[in-house]
């Protein structure tokens, strides 16, 4: 091999060596960069996951009137909220006559008691946001309960709203008739909190008074009295099963036939049963 060829080969080998060296170094650098980037991404992802799973820090303020024994204490509402992924960092109860309570009632135009306000990370999760939108409103990063869980005290009239009494009217001679107490569970679904439950029979003085006053023709039945206009869903539904009297009482009537349950017709003195489609 002549001198020129030797020099040429040396030059080629030298270039190849340096090219391979550069490629090797770039590969190492690329690997290190990828490893570093992946590690950082994993750290970010883990951090985001941990943050997402972390309970929301919330502060609860309940404003009430201790003298209102009939008022809803909102224990059920608070229990439901506490079942969510939250951490209560502070929980305080204020009497509505306290200065702090007065300021909050005025600031958020709260008209009824008890009042519930929740501050903190109220929008940390979609589940929490859904709860707030279904029960009230979020204002100034504060949730205010707007849906009334009756009975409540109206701060403008100083009267209690949502107190309901119920008369359960039965006929003891009708052993086959449906159990009128079934209505209690149904009514609770409309948010009614019953103040007084009175059981009476058609043969009693009270029973006769109810029959005469409301022209009741079918028993068992119920008569609801009280401040019932506040229960919008009940008012809208009641026309399908009964009547709303001039004195505001709700009397269960047509629902007996629609529900196809056994009852007694007071006019014919017969027991109506839909099971056999015959009158007894």
Protein backbone atom coordinates (compact mmCIF):
# COMPACT_ATOMS: atom_id res chain seq x y z
CA UNK A 1 0.00 0.00 0.00
CA UNK A 2 1.48 3.33 -1.01
CA UNK A 3 1.79 6.31 1.24
CA UNK A 4 -1.19 8.20 -0.26
CA UNK A 5 -3.57 5.26 0.19
CA UNK A 6 -2.42 4.82 3.78
CA UNK A 7 -3.08 8.45 4.60
CA UNK A 8 -6.47 8.25 2.97
CA UNK A 9 -7.44 5.19 5.04
CA UNK A 10 -6.22 6.84 8.23
CA UNK A 11 -8.30 9.93 7.43
CA UNK A 12 -11.41 7.84 6.73
CA UNK A 13 -10.98 5.81 9.89
CA UNK A 14 -10.43 8.96 11.88
CA UNK A 15 -13.61 10.54 10.51
CA UNK A 16 -15.55 7.34 11.18
CA UNK A 17 -14.23 7.21 14.72
CA UNK A 18 -15.26 10.75 15.47
CA UNK A 19 -18.64 10.26 13.81
CA UNK A 20 -19.31 7.19 15.92
CA UNK A 21 -18.10 9.02 18.99
CA UNK A 22 -20.47 11.92 18.31
CA UNK A 23 -23.37 9.51 17.71
CA UNK A 24 -22.52 7.67 20.91
CA UNK A 25 -22.38 10.87 22.92
CA UNK A 26 -25.64 12.11 21.39
CA UNK A 27 -27.28 8.80 22.24
CA UNK A 28 -26.14 9.08 25.84
CA UNK A 29 -27.28 12.70 26.07
CA UNK A 30 -30.61 11.81 24.46
CA UNK A 31 -31.08 8.92 26.84
CA UNK A 32 -30.27 11.08 29.82
CA UNK A 33 -32.65 13.79 28.59
CA UNK A 34 -35.43 11.26 27.99
CA UNK A 35 -34.85 9.70 31.38
CA UNK A 36 -34.83 13.11 33.06
CA UNK A 37 -37.96 14.23 31.20
CA UNK A 38 -39.82 10.98 31.91
CA UNK A 39 -38.89 11.14 35.57
CA UNK A 40 -40.16 14.71 35.80
CA UNK A 41 -43.36 13.82 33.98
CA UNK A 42 -43.91 10.91 36.33
CA UNK A 43 -43.30 13.18 39.30
CA UNK A 44 -45.83 15.69 37.93
CA UNK A 45 -48.37 12.93 37.21
CA UNK A 46 -47.98 11.43 40.68
CA UNK A 47 -48.21 14.87 42.27
CA UNK A 48 -51.34 15.67 40.28
CA UNK A 49 -52.89 12.33 41.24
CA UNK A 50 -52.10 12.88 44.91
CA UNK A 51 -53.58 16.37 44.73
CA UNK A 52 -56.68 15.04 43.01
CA UNK A 53 -57.13 12.39 45.70
CA UNK A 54 -56.52 14.79 48.57
CA UNK A 55 -59.72 15.67 50.47
CA UNK A 56 -60.99 19.21 50.02
CA UNK A 57 -60.34 21.47 53.01
CA UNK A 58 -63.64 23.04 54.05
CA UNK A 59 -64.86 25.30 56.82
CA UNK A 60 -68.48 24.94 57.95
CA UNK A 61 -70.56 27.63 59.60
CA UNK A 62 -74.06 26.88 60.87
CA UNK A 63 -76.29 29.76 61.95
CA UNK A 64 -79.36 28.86 63.97
CA UNK A 65 -82.00 30.03 66.40
CA UNK A 66 -81.73 27.84 69.49
CA UNK A 67 -85.21 28.87 70.58
CA UNK A 68 -86.73 27.24 67.47
CA UNK A 69 -87.20 23.69 68.71
CA UNK A 70 -89.24 22.74 65.65
CA UNK A 71 -86.63 23.90 63.11
CA UNK A 72 -84.65 21.39 61.09
CA UNK A 73 -81.15 21.04 62.56
CA UNK A 74 -79.64 20.14 59.15
CA UNK A 75 -77.92 17.09 60.63
CA UNK A 76 -78.98 15.05 57.60
CA UNK A 77 -77.52 17.58 55.17
CA UNK A 78 -74.24 17.83 57.04
CA UNK A 79 -73.96 14.06 57.29
CA UNK A 80 -74.38 13.70 53.52
CA UNK A 81 -71.77 16.37 52.81
CA UNK A 82 -69.30 14.76 55.20
CA UNK A 83 -69.57 11.49 53.27
CA UNK A 84 -67.75 13.17 50.39
CA UNK A 85 -63.96 13.39 50.10
CA UNK A 86 -63.55 16.38 52.38
CA UNK A 87 -61.66 17.44 55.48
CA UNK A 88 -63.39 19.77 57.91
CA UNK A 89 -60.73 22.20 59.08
CA UNK A 90 -63.18 24.26 61.11
CA UNK A 91 -66.80 23.82 62.16
CA UNK A 92 -68.61 26.43 64.16
CA UNK A 93 -72.17 27.10 65.25
CA UNK A 94 -73.37 30.67 65.60
CA UNK A 95 -76.49 31.99 67.22
CA UNK A 96 -78.26 34.26 64.74
CA UNK A 97 -78.15 37.13 67.23
CA UNK A 98 -74.33 37.16 67.29
CA UNK A 99 -72.61 39.97 65.41
CA UNK A 100 -70.70 37.62 63.10
CA UNK A 101 -73.91 35.79 62.25
CA UNK A 102 -75.76 39.04 61.56
CA UNK A 103 -73.04 40.16 59.17
CA UNK A 104 -73.19 36.87 57.26
CA UNK A 105 -76.99 36.90 57.07
CA UNK A 106 -76.90 40.43 55.69
CA UNK A 107 -73.99 39.86 53.30
CA UNK A 108 -75.60 36.84 51.65
CA UNK A 109 -79.24 37.96 51.96
CA UNK A 110 -80.23 34.89 53.97
CA UNK A 111 -83.92 34.96 54.92
CA UNK A 112 -84.44 31.69 56.81
CA UNK A 113 -82.86 29.71 59.64
CA UNK A 114 -81.01 27.50 60.07
CA UNK A 115 -78.42 28.80 57.58
CA UNK A 116 -75.44 26.87 56.30
CA UNK A 117 -72.29 28.39 54.79
CA UNK A 118 -69.25 26.47 53.59
CA UNK A 119 -65.94 28.04 52.57
CA UNK A 120 -62.58 26.71 51.41
CA UNK A 121 -61.86 24.41 48.49
CA UNK A 122 -65.53 24.15 47.56
CA UNK A 123 -64.81 23.52 43.87
CA UNK A 124 -61.97 21.03 44.29
CA UNK A 125 -63.95 18.19 42.72
CA UNK A 126 -66.81 17.82 40.26
CA UNK A 127 -68.82 15.88 42.86
CA UNK A 128 -68.68 18.78 45.29
CA UNK A 129 -69.68 21.24 42.58
CA UNK A 130 -72.75 19.12 41.79
CA UNK A 131 -73.78 19.11 45.45
CA UNK A 132 -73.53 22.88 45.74
CA UNK A 133 -75.52 23.48 42.56
CA UNK A 134 -78.31 21.17 43.76
CA UNK A 135 -78.60 22.70 47.23
CA UNK A 136 -77.79 26.36 46.81
CA UNK A 137 -75.30 28.70 45.25
CA UNK A 138 -71.61 29.56 45.35
CA UNK A 139 -70.80 33.21 45.88
CA UNK A 140 -67.41 34.76 46.65
CA UNK A 141 -65.92 31.24 46.99
CA UNK A 142 -68.57 30.50 49.61
CA UNK A 143 -71.40 28.00 49.36
CA UNK A 144 -74.74 29.17 50.77
CA UNK A 145 -77.55 26.70 51.36
CA UNK A 146 -80.61 28.08 49.55
CA UNK A 147 -82.81 24.99 49.47
CA UNK A 148 -85.01 24.99 52.56
CA UNK A 149 -85.15 21.83 54.63
CA UNK A 150 -88.34 22.45 56.54
CA UNK A 151 -89.36 23.43 59.12
CA UNK A 152 -87.45 26.72 59.02
CA UNK A 153 -87.80 30.09 60.68
CA UNK A 154 -88.65 32.99 58.38
CA UNK A 155 -86.54 35.94 59.53
CA UNK A 156 -88.85 38.48 57.88
CA UNK A 157 -92.12 37.25 59.43
CA UNK A 158 -90.50 35.65 62.49
CA UNK A 159 -92.75 32.63 61.89
CA UNK A 160 -91.98 28.97 61.38
CA UNK A 161 -92.61 27.65 57.87
CA UNK A 162 -93.23 24.05 56.92
CA UNK A 163 -94.89 22.77 60.08
CA UNK A 164 -97.32 20.05 59.05
CA UNK A 165 -99.93 18.07 60.97
CA UNK A 166 -101.50 14.90 59.63
CA UNK A 167 -104.73 13.11 60.48
CA UNK A 168 -104.78 9.39 59.68
CA UNK A 169 -108.46 8.49 59.27
CA UNK A 170 -109.32 4.78 59.29
CA UNK A 171 -112.33 2.51 59.75
CA UNK A 172 -111.55 -0.19 62.30
CA UNK A 173 -114.38 -2.33 60.96
CA UNK A 174 -112.50 -2.72 57.67
CA UNK A 175 -109.81 -5.27 58.42
CA UNK A 176 -109.00 -5.69 54.72
CA UNK A 177 -108.40 -2.00 54.09
CA UNK A 178 -104.89 -0.81 53.36
CA UNK A 179 -102.68 0.52 56.14
CA UNK A 180 -103.08 4.30 56.11
CA UNK A 181 -99.66 4.67 57.76
CA UNK A 182 -98.10 3.86 54.39
CA UNK A 183 -98.59 7.54 53.56
CA UNK A 184 -96.00 8.60 56.13
CA UNK A 185 -93.06 7.17 54.18
CA UNK A 186 -94.37 8.64 50.92
CA UNK A 187 -94.79 12.11 52.40
CA UNK A 188 -91.26 12.13 53.79
CA UNK A 189 -90.07 11.96 50.19
CA UNK A 190 -91.61 15.39 49.62
CA UNK A 191 -89.55 16.86 52.44
CA UNK A 192 -92.40 17.05 54.93
CA UNK A 193 -91.45 17.06 58.58
CA UNK A 194 -94.56 16.08 60.49
CA UNK A 195 -95.20 18.10 63.61
CA UNK A 196 -98.12 16.06 64.90
CA UNK A 197 -99.56 12.72 63.77
CA UNK A 198 -103.12 11.97 64.88
CA UNK A 199 -104.73 8.57 64.39
CA UNK A 200 -108.52 8.57 64.43
CA UNK A 201 -111.41 6.30 63.47
CA UNK A 202 -114.54 7.07 61.46
CA UNK A 203 -116.66 6.31 64.51
CA UNK A 204 -114.87 8.82 66.76
CA UNK A 205 -115.96 12.41 67.31
CA UNK A 206 -112.87 13.74 65.54
CA UNK A 207 -113.33 11.27 62.72
CA UNK A 208 -116.94 12.37 62.20
CA UNK A 209 -115.88 16.01 62.24
CA UNK A 210 -113.28 15.41 59.53
CA UNK A 211 -115.76 13.43 57.41
CA UNK A 212 -118.37 16.16 57.66
CA UNK A 213 -116.02 19.11 57.22
CA UNK A 214 -114.25 17.75 54.14
CA UNK A 215 -117.06 15.60 52.73
CA UNK A 216 -114.92 12.48 52.89
CA UNK A 217 -116.45 9.52 51.02
CA UNK A 218 -113.63 6.97 51.10
CA UNK A 219 -111.46 5.65 53.93
CA UNK A 220 -108.76 5.08 55.01
CA UNK A 221 -107.46 8.49 54.04
CA UNK A 222 -105.34 11.35 55.29
CA UNK A 223 -105.85 15.05 55.90
CA UNK A 224 -102.82 17.34 55.95
CA UNK A 225 -102.93 20.76 57.58
CA UNK A 226 -100.38 23.50 58.13
CA UNK A 227 -98.16 25.70 56.01
CA UNK A 228 -98.22 23.37 53.00
CA UNK A 229 -97.80 25.96 50.23
CA UNK A 230 -94.03 25.95 50.71
CA UNK A 231 -93.82 22.38 49.40
CA UNK A 232 -93.98 23.06 45.67
CA UNK A 233 -93.52 19.46 44.52
CA UNK A 234 -96.29 18.25 46.83
CA UNK A 235 -98.64 20.99 45.67
CA UNK A 236 -98.05 20.13 42.01
CA UNK A 237 -98.62 16.42 42.63
CA UNK A 238 -101.57 16.60 45.00
CA UNK A 239 -104.11 17.49 42.33
CA UNK A 240 -103.67 13.98 40.91
CA UNK A 241 -104.56 12.19 44.14
CA UNK A 242 -106.68 14.58 46.18
CA UNK A 243 -107.98 18.07 46.76
CA UNK A 244 -106.72 21.27 48.31
CA UNK A 245 -109.50 22.74 50.44
CA UNK A 246 -110.38 26.39 50.93
CA UNK A 247 -108.80 26.32 54.40
CA UNK A 248 -105.55 25.02 52.92
CA UNK A 249 -105.98 21.41 54.03
CA UNK A 250 -104.86 18.61 51.69
CA UNK A 251 -107.33 15.69 51.54
CA UNK A 252 -106.38 12.38 49.93
CA UNK A 253 -109.22 11.22 47.62
CA UNK A 254 -108.75 9.96 44.04
CA UNK A 255 -105.48 8.30 44.90
CA UNK A 256 -107.36 5.38 46.43
CA UNK A 257 -108.73 4.29 43.07
CA UNK A 258 -105.56 5.14 41.16
CA UNK A 259 -103.45 3.09 43.55
CA UNK A 260 -105.98 0.22 43.32
CA UNK A 261 -105.92 -0.45 47.03
CA UNK A 262 -108.69 -1.78 49.23
CA UNK A 263 -110.82 0.88 50.90
CA UNK A 264 -114.31 1.44 52.27
CA UNK A 265 -116.90 3.51 50.45
CA UNK A 266 -118.76 5.41 53.16
CA UNK A 267 -121.68 6.22 50.89
CA UNK A 268 -122.48 2.61 49.96
CA UNK A 269 -120.91 1.18 53.11
CA UNK A 270 -119.12 -1.37 50.94
CA UNK A 271 -115.52 -2.45 50.81
CA UNK A 272 -113.92 -1.80 47.43
CA UNK A 273 -111.26 -4.26 46.36
CA UNK A 274 -109.41 -4.22 43.06
CA UNK A 275 -107.79 -7.61 43.52
CA UNK A 276 -110.96 -9.48 42.56
CA UNK A 277 -112.72 -6.51 40.93
CA UNK A 278 -115.75 -7.11 43.19
CA UNK A 279 -117.39 -5.12 45.94
CA UNK A 280 -117.71 -6.78 49.32
